[in-house]
Amino acid sequence: MLETRKGDRPGTGNEASAFRAARRPGGFRRVRRAAALAVALALGNPAAAEDAEAGDNGAPRRSAFTFVGAELARWGSDSVALVKAPASWDATDWERFGLLGAGLGGLFLVDESVYRYVEDHRTEAGDRFARAVTPFGQEYAFGLSVGLLAGGLVFSAPGTRDTGRDALEASILSFVIANLVLKPVIGRQRPYVSNGETVFDPFSHDPSFPSGHTTEAFAVASVIAMRSEGWVVPTLAYATASLVAVSRVEQSHHFTSDVFAGAVLGITVGRFVVSRHRPVPDGPPPATRVTLVAIPHGLAVHVSW
């Protein structure tokens, strides 16, 4: 087996360079950029900004400047609520957490085997595809969030505006949690650095666990899915995020457990943000119905919800 080293992979500097940049004094540039975007949108279209401040619940409108401050305050409030959320979990929540933890532990056991398999079956076509998909877990995800927010403001489309607003917040929060908190503390070496072995060196800033690209991709995808009706858009959103996860493993930037943890974290953040701001529908939630339907030469199962 040919031992691979740091720098041998095409595009290996992508997430690593972003992570190193996040640790430098200018590392919070994405957060600053988001704040600057809010200022620009508010000053460029005060009426739309005031509409955005009205939000989902139709609260009284405020000035464009107050809108910017309110957005930052909202992000801070949601961050605190996210940290405190486990204190209010019930038995079902803890059971789900335990199952996810068990699944993560199982993936740790097969990480090296998957890495060896991927290395033995790499192709140039696969590498090109992975490089094309990877940006959907970083700049494309961020850009899509900004585009939805800006488009909703410009065209006075509240649904699109709120989707972009939540997606931008989820993108920022997931980026901070994954890249500025968990990665530096956990310090797992990337597979192409450790040659497929699981090596943890806490507080070493080794940036493998969790996958930042996967985290952000699933954070934005989960917001879009929850804010969309039907199944087509949610399916496309989660499919794209899943391709990002596969691309990170294919490029040997991450183990399977890294992308699994990133997907769980991203979905958690995205759904949490939407649940904090989406209006609660009147009446009980629609029930899921499973019906057997007669078809020629057999039966079909029809599921509605």
Protein backbone atom coordinates (compact mmCIF):
# COMPACT_ATOMS: atom_id res chain seq x y z
CA MET A 1 0.00 0.00 0.00
CA LEU A 2 1.40 3.37 -1.00
CA GLU A 3 1.54 5.65 2.00
CA THR A 4 0.02 9.03 1.27
CA ARG A 5 1.12 12.25 2.87
CA LYS A 6 -0.21 15.72 3.38
CA GLY A 7 -0.38 17.62 0.11
CA ASP A 8 -0.60 14.52 -2.08
CA ARG A 9 -4.33 14.85 -2.65
CA PRO A 10 -5.75 17.13 -5.34
CA GLY A 11 -7.26 20.16 -3.65
CA THR A 12 -6.13 19.13 -0.17
CA GLY A 13 -5.57 22.72 0.82
CA ASN A 14 -9.23 23.59 0.39
CA GLU A 15 -10.80 22.99 3.79
CA ALA A 16 -7.47 22.94 5.62
CA SER A 17 -6.59 26.43 4.38
CA ALA A 18 -10.03 27.68 5.37
CA PHE A 19 -9.56 26.18 8.81
CA ARG A 20 -6.14 27.77 9.24
CA ALA A 21 -7.59 31.08 8.12
CA ALA A 22 -10.34 30.75 10.70
CA ARG A 23 -7.70 30.51 13.43
CA ARG A 24 -5.86 33.68 12.35
CA PRO A 25 -6.98 37.15 13.52
CA GLY A 26 -8.93 37.51 10.26
CA GLY A 27 -10.52 34.10 10.64
CA PHE A 28 -13.95 35.45 11.45
CA ARG A 29 -14.22 37.11 8.07
CA ARG A 30 -17.24 34.99 7.10
CA VAL A 31 -19.18 36.18 10.13
CA ARG A 32 -18.15 39.76 9.42
CA ARG A 33 -19.10 39.30 5.78
CA ALA A 34 -22.57 38.13 6.80
CA ALA A 35 -23.00 41.13 9.08
CA ALA A 36 -21.81 43.44 6.31
CA LEU A 37 -24.31 41.81 3.96
CA ALA A 38 -27.11 42.52 6.39
CA VAL A 39 -25.99 46.16 6.60
CA ALA A 40 -25.79 46.48 2.81
CA LEU A 41 -29.20 44.95 2.27
CA ALA A 42 -30.74 47.08 4.97
CA LEU A 43 -29.22 50.35 3.71
CA GLY A 44 -29.81 49.49 0.07
CA ASN A 45 -33.48 48.65 0.56
CA PRO A 46 -34.74 49.96 3.91
CA ALA A 47 -38.35 49.02 3.24
CA ALA A 48 -37.43 45.44 2.48
CA ALA A 49 -35.19 45.33 5.51
CA GLU A 50 -38.04 46.52 7.65
CA ASP A 51 -40.20 43.77 6.18
CA ALA A 52 -37.48 41.27 7.06
CA GLU A 53 -37.47 42.52 10.60
CA ALA A 54 -41.19 41.90 10.74
CA GLY A 55 -40.24 38.27 10.21
CA ASP A 56 -42.50 35.28 10.30
CA ASN A 57 -44.65 36.48 13.15
CA GLY A 58 -45.56 39.91 11.80
CA ALA A 59 -43.84 41.86 14.58
CA PRO A 60 -43.80 45.68 14.32
CA ARG A 61 -41.40 47.04 11.74
CA ARG A 62 -38.22 48.83 12.75
CA SER A 63 -35.56 50.96 11.08
CA ALA A 64 -32.93 49.46 8.77
CA PHE A 65 -30.20 50.04 11.35
CA THR A 66 -32.23 48.35 14.06
CA PHE A 67 -32.75 45.43 11.70
CA VAL A 68 -29.01 44.78 11.54
CA GLY A 69 -28.66 44.85 15.31
CA ALA A 70 -31.71 42.64 15.70
CA GLU A 71 -30.24 40.05 13.32
CA LEU A 72 -27.02 39.85 15.33
CA ALA A 73 -29.03 39.64 18.55
CA ARG A 74 -31.15 36.87 17.03
CA TRP A 75 -28.05 34.86 16.16
CA GLY A 76 -26.74 35.31 19.69
CA SER A 77 -30.06 34.31 21.25
CA ASP A 78 -30.33 31.24 19.05
CA SER A 79 -26.76 30.24 19.89
CA VAL A 80 -27.48 30.36 23.61
CA ALA A 81 -30.73 28.42 23.14
CA LEU A 82 -28.91 25.78 21.09
CA VAL A 83 -26.34 25.26 23.84
CA LYS A 84 -29.08 24.99 26.48
CA ALA A 85 -31.32 22.69 24.40
CA PRO A 86 -30.08 19.35 25.84
CA ALA A 87 -31.27 20.44 29.28
CA SER A 88 -34.85 20.23 28.02
CA TRP A 89 -34.55 16.92 26.15
CA ASP A 90 -37.02 14.19 27.01
CA ALA A 91 -36.46 10.44 27.04
CA THR A 92 -37.07 10.15 23.29
CA ASP A 93 -34.47 12.82 22.56
CA TRP A 94 -31.85 11.08 24.69
CA GLU A 95 -32.69 7.74 23.11
CA ARG A 96 -32.18 9.26 19.66
CA PHE A 97 -28.90 10.78 20.84
CA GLY A 98 -27.75 7.40 22.13
CA LEU A 99 -28.59 5.69 18.84
CA LEU A 100 -26.67 8.31 16.88
CA GLY A 101 -23.74 7.91 19.23
CA ALA A 102 -23.80 4.15 18.75
CA GLY A 103 -23.88 4.61 14.99
CA LEU A 104 -20.91 6.97 15.18
CA GLY A 105 -19.02 4.47 17.29
CA GLY A 106 -19.70 1.75 14.74
CA LEU A 107 -18.31 3.94 11.95
CA PHE A 108 -15.13 4.52 13.94
CA LEU A 109 -14.57 0.76 13.78
CA VAL A 110 -14.74 0.68 9.96
CA ASP A 111 -13.09 4.01 9.18
CA GLU A 112 -9.74 2.53 8.23
CA SER A 113 -11.30 -0.21 6.11
CA VAL A 114 -13.36 2.33 4.18
CA TYR A 115 -10.29 4.50 3.69
CA ARG A 116 -8.32 1.55 2.25
CA TYR A 117 -11.18 0.65 -0.07
CA VAL A 118 -11.51 4.23 -1.33
CA GLU A 119 -7.76 4.49 -1.92
CA ASP A 120 -7.75 1.23 -3.88
CA HIS A 121 -10.62 2.35 -6.14
CA ARG A 122 -9.81 6.01 -6.78
CA THR A 123 -10.27 7.31 -10.31
CA GLU A 124 -9.52 10.61 -11.97
CA ALA A 125 -13.18 10.95 -12.91
CA GLY A 126 -14.15 10.46 -9.29
CA ASP A 127 -11.67 13.09 -8.17
CA ARG A 128 -12.98 15.59 -10.71
CA PHE A 129 -16.55 14.96 -9.60
CA ALA A 130 -15.57 15.35 -5.94
CA ARG A 131 -13.81 18.65 -6.63
CA ALA A 132 -16.89 19.91 -8.46
CA VAL A 133 -19.27 18.93 -5.64
CA THR A 134 -17.18 20.04 -2.65
CA PRO A 135 -17.96 23.80 -2.95
CA PHE A 136 -21.62 23.04 -2.18
CA GLY A 137 -20.38 22.52 1.38
CA GLN A 138 -18.76 25.92 1.64
CA GLU A 139 -18.91 28.89 -0.74
CA TYR A 140 -21.88 27.62 -2.76
CA ALA A 141 -23.91 26.91 0.37
CA PHE A 142 -23.11 30.35 1.75
CA GLY A 143 -23.81 31.97 -1.61
CA LEU A 144 -27.14 30.19 -1.98
CA SER A 145 -28.19 31.40 1.47
CA VAL A 146 -27.26 34.97 0.59
CA GLY A 147 -28.99 34.70 -2.79
CA LEU A 148 -32.23 33.47 -1.25
CA LEU A 149 -32.20 36.24 1.33
CA ALA A 150 -31.38 38.95 -1.21
CA GLY A 151 -33.89 37.62 -3.74
CA GLY A 152 -36.62 37.50 -1.13
CA LEU A 153 -35.92 41.09 -0.11
CA VAL A 154 -35.71 42.44 -3.66
CA PHE A 155 -38.82 40.67 -4.94
CA SER A 156 -40.82 40.96 -1.69
CA ALA A 157 -41.13 37.19 -1.33
CA PRO A 158 -41.44 36.47 2.41
CA GLY A 159 -41.04 32.69 2.06
CA THR A 160 -37.82 32.97 0.06
CA ARG A 161 -36.55 35.73 2.35
CA ASP A 162 -37.11 33.70 5.50
CA THR A 163 -35.55 30.61 3.94
CA GLY A 164 -32.42 32.58 3.09
CA ARG A 165 -32.42 34.27 6.46
CA ASP A 166 -32.54 30.96 8.32
CA ALA A 167 -30.08 29.31 5.93
CA LEU A 168 -27.56 32.11 6.40
CA GLU A 169 -27.85 31.87 10.17
CA ALA A 170 -27.54 28.08 10.11
CA SER A 171 -24.54 28.35 7.80
CA ILE A 172 -22.75 30.74 10.15
CA LEU A 173 -23.62 28.84 13.34
CA SER A 174 -22.61 25.47 11.91
CA PHE A 175 -19.35 26.94 10.59
CA VAL A 176 -18.47 28.35 14.00
CA ILE A 177 -19.38 25.17 15.90
CA ALA A 178 -17.57 22.80 13.55
CA ASN A 179 -14.49 24.80 12.60
CA LEU A 180 -13.86 27.10 15.54
CA VAL A 181 -14.99 24.91 18.44
CA LEU A 182 -15.05 21.17 17.75
CA LYS A 183 -12.13 20.75 15.35
CA PRO A 184 -9.53 22.56 17.48
CA VAL A 185 -10.64 20.77 20.63
CA ILE A 186 -10.96 17.23 19.21
CA GLY A 187 -7.86 17.39 16.99
CA ARG A 188 -8.33 14.35 14.76
CA GLN A 189 -5.80 13.87 11.98
CA ARG A 190 -7.06 13.66 8.42
CA PRO A 191 -6.91 10.20 6.84
CA TYR A 192 -4.32 11.22 4.25
CA VAL A 193 -2.10 12.47 7.10
CA SER A 194 -2.47 9.44 9.38
CA ASN A 195 -2.50 6.97 6.46
CA GLY A 196 -5.98 5.83 7.44
CA GLU A 197 -5.30 5.33 11.14
CA THR A 198 -7.47 6.99 13.76
CA VAL A 199 -5.27 9.50 15.57
CA PHE A 200 -6.63 12.03 18.05
CA ASP A 201 -4.46 14.79 19.48
CA PRO A 202 -6.78 17.09 21.45
CA PHE A 203 -6.16 20.83 21.11
CA SER A 204 -3.70 20.19 18.27
CA HIS A 205 -5.98 21.87 15.70
CA ASP A 206 -5.91 18.83 13.42
CA PRO A 207 -9.10 19.51 11.42
CA SER A 208 -10.68 16.18 10.51
CA PHE A 209 -13.55 15.76 12.98
CA PRO A 210 -16.23 16.71 12.16
CA SER A 211 -16.31 17.50 8.45
CA GLY A 212 -16.90 21.23 8.10
CA HIS A 213 -18.08 21.01 4.49
CA THR A 214 -20.59 18.30 5.35
CA THR A 215 -21.81 20.20 8.39
CA GLU A 216 -22.51 23.36 6.41
CA ALA A 217 -24.03 21.50 3.47
CA PHE A 218 -26.54 19.69 5.67
CA ALA A 219 -27.28 22.81 7.74
CA VAL A 220 -28.36 24.73 4.65
CA ALA A 221 -30.08 21.68 3.12
CA SER A 222 -32.15 21.06 6.25
CA VAL A 223 -33.33 24.68 6.33
CA ILE A 224 -34.35 24.53 2.67
CA ALA A 225 -36.06 21.18 3.24
CA MET A 226 -38.05 22.39 6.24
CA ARG A 227 -39.02 25.62 4.50
CA SER A 228 -40.17 23.86 1.30
CA GLU A 229 -43.41 22.10 0.49
CA GLY A 230 -43.58 18.69 -1.12
CA TRP A 231 -40.71 16.26 -1.52
CA VAL A 232 -38.81 17.37 -4.64
CA VAL A 233 -36.87 20.31 -3.20
CA PRO A 234 -36.05 18.57 0.11
CA THR A 235 -34.86 15.50 -1.79
CA LEU A 236 -32.61 17.59 -4.04
CA ALA A 237 -31.26 19.52 -1.05
CA TYR A 238 -30.36 16.43 0.97
CA ALA A 239 -29.04 14.61 -2.11
CA THR A 240 -26.65 17.48 -2.81
CA ALA A 241 -25.49 17.55 0.81
CA SER A 242 -24.95 13.78 0.69
CA LEU A 243 -22.80 14.15 -2.41
CA VAL A 244 -20.67 16.65 -0.51
CA ALA A 245 -20.18 14.08 2.25
CA VAL A 246 -19.21 11.40 -0.27
CA SER A 247 -16.78 13.79 -1.98
CA ARG A 248 -14.94 14.46 1.28
CA VAL A 249 -14.42 10.73 1.84
CA GLU A 250 -13.50 10.15 -1.81
CA GLN A 251 -10.78 12.79 -1.59
CA SER A 252 -9.47 11.26 1.67
CA HIS A 253 -10.04 14.54 3.50
CA HIS A 254 -12.33 12.80 5.98
CA PHE A 255 -13.29 9.46 7.45
CA THR A 256 -16.85 8.22 7.21
CA SER A 257 -17.38 9.01 10.90
CA ASP A 258 -16.30 12.61 10.25
CA VAL A 259 -18.96 13.17 7.60
CA PHE A 260 -21.61 11.31 9.61
CA ALA A 261 -20.97 13.59 12.59
CA GLY A 262 -21.02 16.61 10.28
CA ALA A 263 -24.34 15.59 8.78
CA VAL A 264 -25.92 15.10 12.21
CA LEU A 265 -24.57 18.42 13.45
CA GLY A 266 -25.68 20.30 10.33
CA ILE A 267 -29.19 18.87 10.37
CA THR A 268 -29.50 19.60 14.08
CA VAL A 269 -28.47 23.24 13.66
CA GLY A 270 -30.59 23.81 10.56
CA ARG A 271 -33.76 22.30 11.97
CA PHE A 272 -33.23 24.07 15.28
CA VAL A 273 -32.96 27.48 13.60
CA VAL A 274 -36.11 26.93 11.53
CA SER A 275 -38.07 25.63 14.52
CA ARG A 276 -37.17 28.80 16.41
CA HIS A 277 -38.63 31.13 13.78
CA ARG A 278 -41.19 29.33 11.65
CA PRO A 279 -44.79 29.99 12.71
CA VAL A 280 -46.48 27.08 14.43
CA PRO A 281 -49.40 25.89 12.23
CA ASP A 282 -52.89 25.90 13.69
CA GLY A 283 -54.40 22.57 14.61
CA PRO A 284 -52.79 19.15 15.00
CA PRO A 285 -50.00 18.11 12.62
CA PRO A 286 -51.11 16.07 9.62
CA ALA A 287 -51.09 12.35 10.28
CA THR A 288 -49.08 9.91 8.23
CA ARG A 289 -51.30 7.39 6.43
CA VAL A 290 -50.27 4.13 4.85
CA THR A 291 -52.75 2.60 2.41
CA LEU A 292 -52.67 -0.57 0.34
CA VAL A 293 -53.76 0.08 -3.24
CA ALA A 294 -54.76 -2.66 -5.68
CA ILE A 295 -52.82 -2.62 -8.95
CA PRO A 296 -52.69 -5.13 -11.80
CA HIS A 297 -51.01 -8.32 -10.62
CA GLY A 298 -50.39 -7.10 -7.06
CA LEU A 299 -50.61 -4.42 -4.41
CA ALA A 300 -48.90 -1.07 -3.94
CA VAL A 301 -48.24 0.89 -0.77
CA HIS A 302 -49.36 4.52 -0.79
CA VAL A 303 -47.91 6.77 1.93
CA SER A 304 -49.34 10.24 2.51
CA TRP A 305 -48.56 12.88 5.12
